[in-house]
Amino acid sequence: MATIEIYAKPSNLYRYRPLGSKLDQEISALLGGYIFCPLFSEMNDPMEGSHRLSQRFSGGPPDSKRQEAVDDALATTGIASMSEVSDHEPMWAHYADQFGGMCVQYNVNALLRGLDDTVAITRMIYSELEPILAMDRSTPTEKARHCLSSKTVRWASEREWRIFRDGRGQASYGRAAAVRKILLGSRTSPAGQGRLVEVGQQLQVQVSVMKVEAYSMQFTTLYQPPKKEARKS
């Protein structure tokens, strides 16, 4: 039997975050080495988790228990959204506090090294129809993650990836040095900029702030960590 393999993965993924009243919360996540995963019911799309049942899956009383198991798994799945792109204007507006938030660059290989093996990272697919749950050997958790890995094609420009964990909470990557850059929006407050520069200094990562020029975004560096000296042979 053939298998589906993914041979190409992005080098980096980006996470758009609001600041403002959530500044301390976001700084805690950066310095604590984790990404917070809310439940899918807290997501902004009411179509999240939509699915259809195959004829075999939906027939008969025993199958109602299978559906309940999937519903329970959906209700207890923690999700964090990321993107392949950092220059998506609608995401800056919707998810980064109307350009007053930030976009954090994470190195994918470092994330994979640091995250627990119960955590999964998946690429979203975009379709005109919701996914079908079939009668197969997959677990309720796998079926729930299948449902949560699909969205309508109207979201396709976001080029989303997701982190899944069991339950609401922290997906910790620890000391894996997964954060590589912090990009601040053009409307990030001076106080917020100052706090994030301090974070950049502690993590030794670049911090830049956006300047909007007509229909383009340019970034100016606020903090650049010093280059590490090469080891002497």
Protein backbone atom coordinates (compact mmCIF):
# COMPACT_ATOMS: atom_id res chain seq x y z
CA MET A 1 0.00 0.00 0.00
CA ALA A 2 1.27 3.48 -0.86
CA THR A 3 1.76 6.12 1.83
CA ILE A 4 1.49 9.89 1.93
CA GLU A 5 4.82 11.52 2.70
CA ILE A 6 5.65 15.20 3.25
CA TYR A 7 9.17 15.83 1.97
CA ALA A 8 9.14 19.62 2.19
CA LYS A 9 8.40 21.60 5.32
CA PRO A 10 8.86 25.31 5.98
CA SER A 11 12.05 26.42 7.70
CA ASN A 12 10.10 28.87 9.84
CA LEU A 13 6.54 29.39 11.01
CA TYR A 14 5.04 32.64 12.25
CA ARG A 15 2.61 33.34 15.07
CA TYR A 16 0.59 36.57 15.08
CA ARG A 17 -0.23 37.79 18.58
CA PRO A 18 -2.02 40.78 20.15
CA LEU A 19 -0.25 42.82 22.80
CA GLY A 20 -1.96 45.68 24.65
CA SER A 21 -3.67 44.14 27.69
CA LYS A 22 -2.09 40.77 26.83
CA LEU A 23 1.48 42.06 26.77
CA ASP A 24 2.55 40.39 30.03
CA GLN A 25 0.89 37.11 28.99
CA GLU A 26 2.73 37.06 25.65
CA ILE A 27 6.06 37.96 27.23
CA SER A 28 5.62 35.14 29.75
CA ALA A 29 5.12 32.69 26.89
CA LEU A 30 8.24 33.89 25.05
CA LEU A 31 10.47 33.80 28.13
CA GLY A 32 8.88 30.59 29.41
CA GLY A 33 9.51 28.71 26.17
CA TYR A 34 5.95 27.70 25.39
CA ILE A 35 3.04 28.32 23.02
CA PHE A 36 -0.38 28.47 24.66
CA CYS A 37 -3.07 26.28 23.08
CA PRO A 38 -6.71 27.25 23.77
CA LEU A 39 -9.58 24.86 23.12
CA PHE A 40 -11.12 24.80 19.66
CA SER A 41 -14.34 26.29 21.09
CA GLU A 42 -12.35 29.46 21.78
CA MET A 43 -11.30 29.86 18.13
CA ASN A 44 -12.69 32.70 16.01
CA ASP A 45 -14.30 30.57 13.26
CA PRO A 46 -17.70 29.05 14.17
CA MET A 47 -17.16 26.45 11.43
CA GLU A 48 -14.19 24.94 13.32
CA GLY A 49 -14.51 21.20 13.79
CA SER A 50 -17.27 20.78 11.20
CA HIS A 51 -17.42 17.31 9.67
CA ARG A 52 -19.64 14.79 7.94
CA LEU A 53 -20.13 11.15 8.88
CA SER A 54 -19.72 8.30 6.46
CA GLN A 55 -22.78 6.07 6.04
CA ARG A 56 -21.16 3.27 8.05
CA PHE A 57 -20.05 5.62 10.82
CA SER A 58 -23.49 7.16 11.25
CA GLY A 59 -25.61 4.00 11.27
CA GLY A 60 -26.98 2.27 14.38
CA PRO A 61 -26.87 2.88 18.15
CA PRO A 62 -23.24 1.76 18.70
CA ASP A 63 -22.10 4.48 16.34
CA SER A 64 -23.63 7.19 18.51
CA LYS A 65 -21.02 6.33 21.16
CA ARG A 66 -18.30 6.65 18.54
CA GLN A 67 -19.63 10.09 17.65
CA GLU A 68 -19.71 11.04 21.34
CA ALA A 69 -16.08 9.97 21.68
CA VAL A 70 -15.10 12.19 18.74
CA ASP A 71 -17.12 15.10 20.16
CA ASP A 72 -15.35 14.68 23.52
CA ALA A 73 -11.97 14.64 21.78
CA LEU A 74 -12.87 17.79 19.83
CA ALA A 75 -13.92 19.54 23.02
CA THR A 76 -10.62 18.74 24.76
CA THR A 77 -8.14 19.44 21.94
CA GLY A 78 -5.81 22.39 22.45
CA ILE A 79 -4.88 24.34 19.31
CA ALA A 80 -2.33 27.02 18.40
CA SER A 81 -2.35 28.56 14.94
CA MET A 82 0.73 29.55 12.95
CA SER A 83 1.41 30.64 9.38
CA GLU A 84 4.04 30.23 6.69
CA VAL A 85 4.04 34.01 6.06
CA SER A 86 4.83 37.09 8.13
CA ASP A 87 3.65 39.80 5.71
CA HIS A 88 -0.06 38.99 5.49
CA GLU A 89 -1.90 42.29 6.07
CA PRO A 90 -5.29 40.78 7.08
CA MET A 91 -3.59 38.60 9.71
CA TRP A 92 -1.74 41.61 11.09
CA ALA A 93 -5.12 43.34 11.34
CA HIS A 94 -7.18 40.43 12.71
CA TYR A 95 -4.75 38.55 14.95
CA ALA A 96 -2.10 41.14 15.85
CA ASP A 97 -4.32 43.81 17.34
CA GLN A 98 -4.81 45.97 14.21
CA PHE A 99 -1.04 46.16 13.62
CA GLY A 100 -0.47 46.92 17.32
CA GLY A 101 0.74 43.41 18.15
CA MET A 102 3.61 41.21 17.04
CA CYS A 103 4.52 38.32 14.79
CA VAL A 104 6.99 35.81 16.22
CA GLN A 105 9.22 33.73 13.95
CA TYR A 106 9.81 30.15 15.13
CA ASN A 107 12.35 27.76 13.67
CA VAL A 108 10.50 24.57 12.78
CA ASN A 109 13.35 22.15 13.50
CA ALA A 110 13.92 23.71 16.93
CA LEU A 111 10.19 23.43 17.69
CA LEU A 112 10.17 19.78 16.70
CA ARG A 113 13.18 19.08 18.94
CA GLY A 114 11.68 20.89 21.91
CA LEU A 115 8.01 19.90 21.83
CA ASP A 116 6.80 16.78 23.63
CA ASP A 117 6.06 13.72 21.49
CA THR A 118 2.36 13.99 22.40
CA VAL A 119 2.23 17.30 20.53
CA ALA A 120 1.59 17.33 16.77
CA ILE A 121 2.21 19.99 14.11
CA THR A 122 0.06 19.76 11.00
CA ARG A 123 -0.51 21.69 7.80
CA MET A 124 -4.08 22.85 7.23
CA ILE A 125 -5.95 21.85 4.10
CA TYR A 126 -8.60 24.03 2.47
CA SER A 127 -11.69 22.57 0.87
CA GLU A 128 -15.18 23.43 -0.36
CA LEU A 129 -16.58 20.61 1.80
CA GLU A 130 -16.05 19.62 5.42
CA PRO A 131 -14.04 16.42 6.11
CA ILE A 132 -15.71 13.00 6.30
CA LEU A 133 -15.26 10.74 9.33
CA ALA A 134 -14.95 7.16 8.16
CA MET A 135 -15.07 3.80 9.92
CA ASP A 136 -11.38 3.03 10.27
CA ARG A 137 -8.76 2.25 12.90
CA SER A 138 -8.04 5.86 13.84
CA THR A 139 -8.66 6.92 17.43
CA PRO A 140 -11.19 9.57 18.51
CA THR A 141 -8.27 11.97 19.06
CA GLU A 142 -6.97 11.35 15.54
CA LYS A 143 -10.46 11.85 14.12
CA ALA A 144 -10.82 15.11 16.05
CA ARG A 145 -7.48 16.36 14.75
CA HIS A 146 -8.56 15.36 11.24
CA CYS A 147 -11.65 17.58 11.62
CA LEU A 148 -9.56 20.45 12.99
CA SER A 149 -7.04 20.26 10.13
CA SER A 150 -9.50 21.46 7.49
CA LYS A 151 -11.08 24.84 6.77
CA THR A 152 -13.07 26.37 3.94
CA VAL A 153 -11.04 27.58 0.95
CA ARG A 154 -11.83 31.18 1.85
CA TRP A 155 -9.16 30.93 4.56
CA ALA A 156 -6.50 29.56 2.20
CA SER A 157 -4.41 32.74 1.98
CA GLU A 158 -3.45 32.34 5.65
CA ARG A 159 -1.33 29.25 4.81
CA GLU A 160 -1.95 27.96 8.29
CA TRP A 161 -0.24 25.24 10.31
CA ARG A 162 -1.50 24.08 13.68
CA ILE A 163 -0.07 22.76 16.90
CA PHE A 164 -2.29 20.18 18.62
CA ARG A 165 -2.03 19.03 22.21
CA ASP A 166 -4.31 17.11 24.56
CA GLY A 167 -6.27 19.68 26.53
CA ARG A 168 -6.01 23.40 26.98
CA GLY A 169 -2.59 24.57 28.09
CA GLN A 170 1.05 25.08 27.25
CA ALA A 171 2.90 23.36 24.44
CA SER A 172 6.39 23.72 25.89
CA TYR A 173 9.50 23.74 23.70
CA GLY A 174 11.70 24.57 26.70
CA ARG A 175 15.26 25.62 26.00
CA ALA A 176 15.18 24.68 22.32
CA ALA A 177 15.82 28.31 21.20
CA ALA A 178 12.88 28.09 18.82
CA VAL A 179 12.20 31.85 18.67
CA ARG A 180 14.35 33.47 15.97
CA LYS A 181 12.79 36.92 15.41
CA ILE A 182 10.18 39.20 16.94
CA LEU A 183 8.43 41.49 14.46
CA LEU A 184 6.42 44.37 15.93
CA GLY A 185 3.49 46.05 14.19
CA SER A 186 3.48 49.67 13.08
CA ARG A 187 1.03 50.53 15.88
CA THR A 188 2.85 48.77 18.72
CA SER A 189 3.13 51.26 21.58
CA PRO A 190 6.54 52.67 22.54
CA ALA A 191 6.18 50.96 25.93
CA GLY A 192 5.43 47.65 24.20
CA GLN A 193 8.41 48.10 21.91
CA GLY A 194 10.66 48.69 24.90
CA ARG A 195 9.41 45.58 26.71
CA LEU A 196 9.88 43.40 23.63
CA VAL A 197 13.40 44.74 23.06
CA GLU A 198 14.20 43.56 26.59
CA VAL A 199 12.78 40.15 25.68
CA GLY A 200 14.93 40.10 22.54
CA GLN A 201 18.00 40.85 24.64
CA GLN A 202 17.19 38.01 27.03
CA LEU A 203 16.51 35.53 24.23
CA GLN A 204 19.26 36.95 22.01
CA VAL A 205 16.97 37.31 19.00
CA GLN A 206 16.39 40.16 16.57
CA VAL A 207 13.55 42.59 17.28
CA SER A 208 12.23 44.77 14.44
CA VAL A 209 9.38 47.23 14.08
CA MET A 210 7.18 47.72 11.02
CA LYS A 211 6.85 50.91 9.03
CA VAL A 212 3.99 51.05 6.53
CA GLU A 213 4.87 52.75 3.25
CA ALA A 214 1.84 52.96 0.95
CA TYR A 215 1.00 49.30 0.20
CA SER A 216 4.25 47.83 1.52
CA MET A 217 5.65 46.92 4.92
CA GLN A 218 9.26 47.68 5.85
CA PHE A 219 11.00 46.63 9.07
CA THR A 220 13.62 48.56 11.02
CA THR A 221 15.80 46.70 13.52
CA LEU A 222 15.43 47.78 17.14
CA TYR A 223 17.75 45.15 18.58
CA GLN A 224 20.29 42.92 16.87
CA PRO A 225 22.12 40.36 19.02
CA PRO A 226 25.90 40.44 18.65
CA LYS A 227 27.41 37.83 16.38
CA LYS A 228 28.88 34.86 18.17
CA GLU A 229 32.61 34.54 17.85
CA ALA A 230 33.80 31.55 15.87
CA ARG A 231 35.46 28.86 17.95
CA LYS A 232 39.22 28.71 17.69
CA SER A 233 40.53 25.44 16.32
